[in-house]
Protein backbone atom coordinates (compact mmCIF):
# COMPACT_ATOMS: atom_id res chain seq x y z
CA MET A 1 35.99 137.79 94.94
CA SER A 2 35.09 140.51 92.43
CA LEU A 3 37.75 142.45 90.53
CA TYR A 4 37.83 144.98 87.75
CA TRP A 5 34.33 145.42 86.32
CA ASP A 6 32.81 143.15 88.99
CA TRP A 7 34.09 140.02 87.23
CA ARG A 8 34.10 137.08 89.58
CA TYR A 9 37.42 135.37 90.33
CA VAL A 10 38.36 132.36 92.40
CA LEU A 11 41.67 132.76 94.21
CA ILE A 12 43.67 129.57 94.72
CA GLU A 13 46.90 129.13 96.60
CA ALA A 14 49.43 127.28 94.46
CA GLY A 15 53.08 127.13 93.60
CA PRO A 16 54.51 128.22 90.24
CA GLU A 17 54.65 124.69 88.86
CA GLN A 18 50.96 124.12 89.59
CA ALA A 19 49.81 127.48 88.28
CA LEU A 20 51.61 127.03 84.96
CA THR A 21 49.74 123.79 84.25
CA TRP A 22 46.18 125.10 84.60
CA ARG A 23 45.83 126.60 81.15
CA SER A 24 46.27 125.38 77.63
CA GLY A 25 45.32 127.02 74.35
CA HIS A 26 45.37 130.47 75.96
CA MET A 27 45.45 133.44 73.58
CA ARG A 28 48.77 134.54 75.09
CA GLY A 29 50.37 131.23 74.06
CA ASP A 30 51.24 127.93 75.68
CA GLY A 31 52.04 127.87 79.37
CA SER A 32 50.36 131.18 80.10
CA LEU A 33 50.35 132.57 83.58
CA PRO A 34 47.15 132.94 85.61
CA ASP A 35 45.18 136.20 85.25
CA LEU A 36 46.31 137.35 88.67
CA PHE A 37 49.18 136.16 90.83
CA PHE A 38 51.12 137.38 93.84
CA PRO A 39 53.36 135.94 96.57
CA ALA A 40 52.00 134.90 99.97
CA ASP A 41 53.23 138.15 101.55
CA ARG A 42 51.29 140.16 98.89
CA SER A 43 54.31 142.44 98.37
CA TRP A 44 53.62 142.67 94.61
CA LEU A 45 51.10 141.41 92.07
CA VAL A 46 50.83 140.73 88.36
CA SER A 47 47.54 141.02 86.51
CA ALA A 48 47.25 139.73 82.95
CA LEU A 49 43.63 139.56 81.89
CA TRP A 50 42.85 136.91 79.30
CA ASP A 51 41.71 139.37 76.64
CA ASP A 52 44.34 142.08 77.15
CA ALA A 53 47.60 142.27 75.22
CA TRP A 54 49.41 143.86 78.17
CA THR A 55 50.24 142.98 81.77
CA CYS A 56 49.86 145.16 84.87
CA VAL A 57 52.30 144.98 87.77
CA GLY A 58 51.85 146.52 91.20
CA GLY A 59 54.47 146.64 93.88
CA PRO A 60 57.09 148.66 95.69
CA GLU A 61 58.49 151.79 94.08
CA ARG A 62 61.84 150.07 93.47
CA LEU A 63 60.19 147.27 91.47
CA ILE A 64 58.12 149.67 89.37
CA ASP A 65 61.18 151.85 88.69
CA ALA A 66 63.17 148.81 87.54
CA LEU A 67 60.40 147.69 85.17
CA GLN A 68 59.95 151.21 83.83
CA HIS A 69 63.66 151.43 82.97
CA ASP A 70 63.99 147.91 81.51
CA PRO A 71 63.71 148.09 77.69
CA LEU A 72 62.40 144.51 77.51
CA ALA A 73 59.57 145.26 79.92
CA ASN A 74 58.48 148.36 78.01
CA GLY A 75 56.86 149.56 81.23
CA ARG A 76 54.96 152.72 81.91
CA ARG A 77 53.79 153.98 85.27
CA VAL A 78 50.10 154.57 85.91
CA THR A 79 48.34 155.58 89.10
CA PRO A 80 45.39 153.63 90.54
CA ASP A 81 42.95 156.24 89.17
CA GLN A 82 44.36 156.04 85.61
CA ASP A 83 43.33 153.59 82.89
CA ALA A 84 46.11 151.04 82.25
CA LEU A 85 45.21 150.83 78.54
CA PRO A 86 48.50 151.35 76.67
CA PRO A 87 48.80 154.40 74.40
CA GLY A 88 47.57 153.73 70.87
CA LEU A 89 45.12 150.99 71.86
CA THR A 90 41.37 151.45 72.07
CA ARG A 91 38.63 149.56 73.87
CA GLU A 92 35.97 147.90 71.78
């Protein structure tokens, strides 16, 4: 499937234990999560591209509100038509 700027991805069904073993030496550190993951019911998703320093989360309003108000998450709401690039960062 193609995502983002038509980058090709392979989607694989796996459990958390399997997914956490697929990467080593990732720029985000040891045991990094996959670039994209979501539960079987597709009720939310997390996108963490390999070259980005931030993570995008999509899901129900209640989830997004909770992340936005959690100081550890440092979340900010963006709409699908907005760029998710955090304030103060620039694209090369």
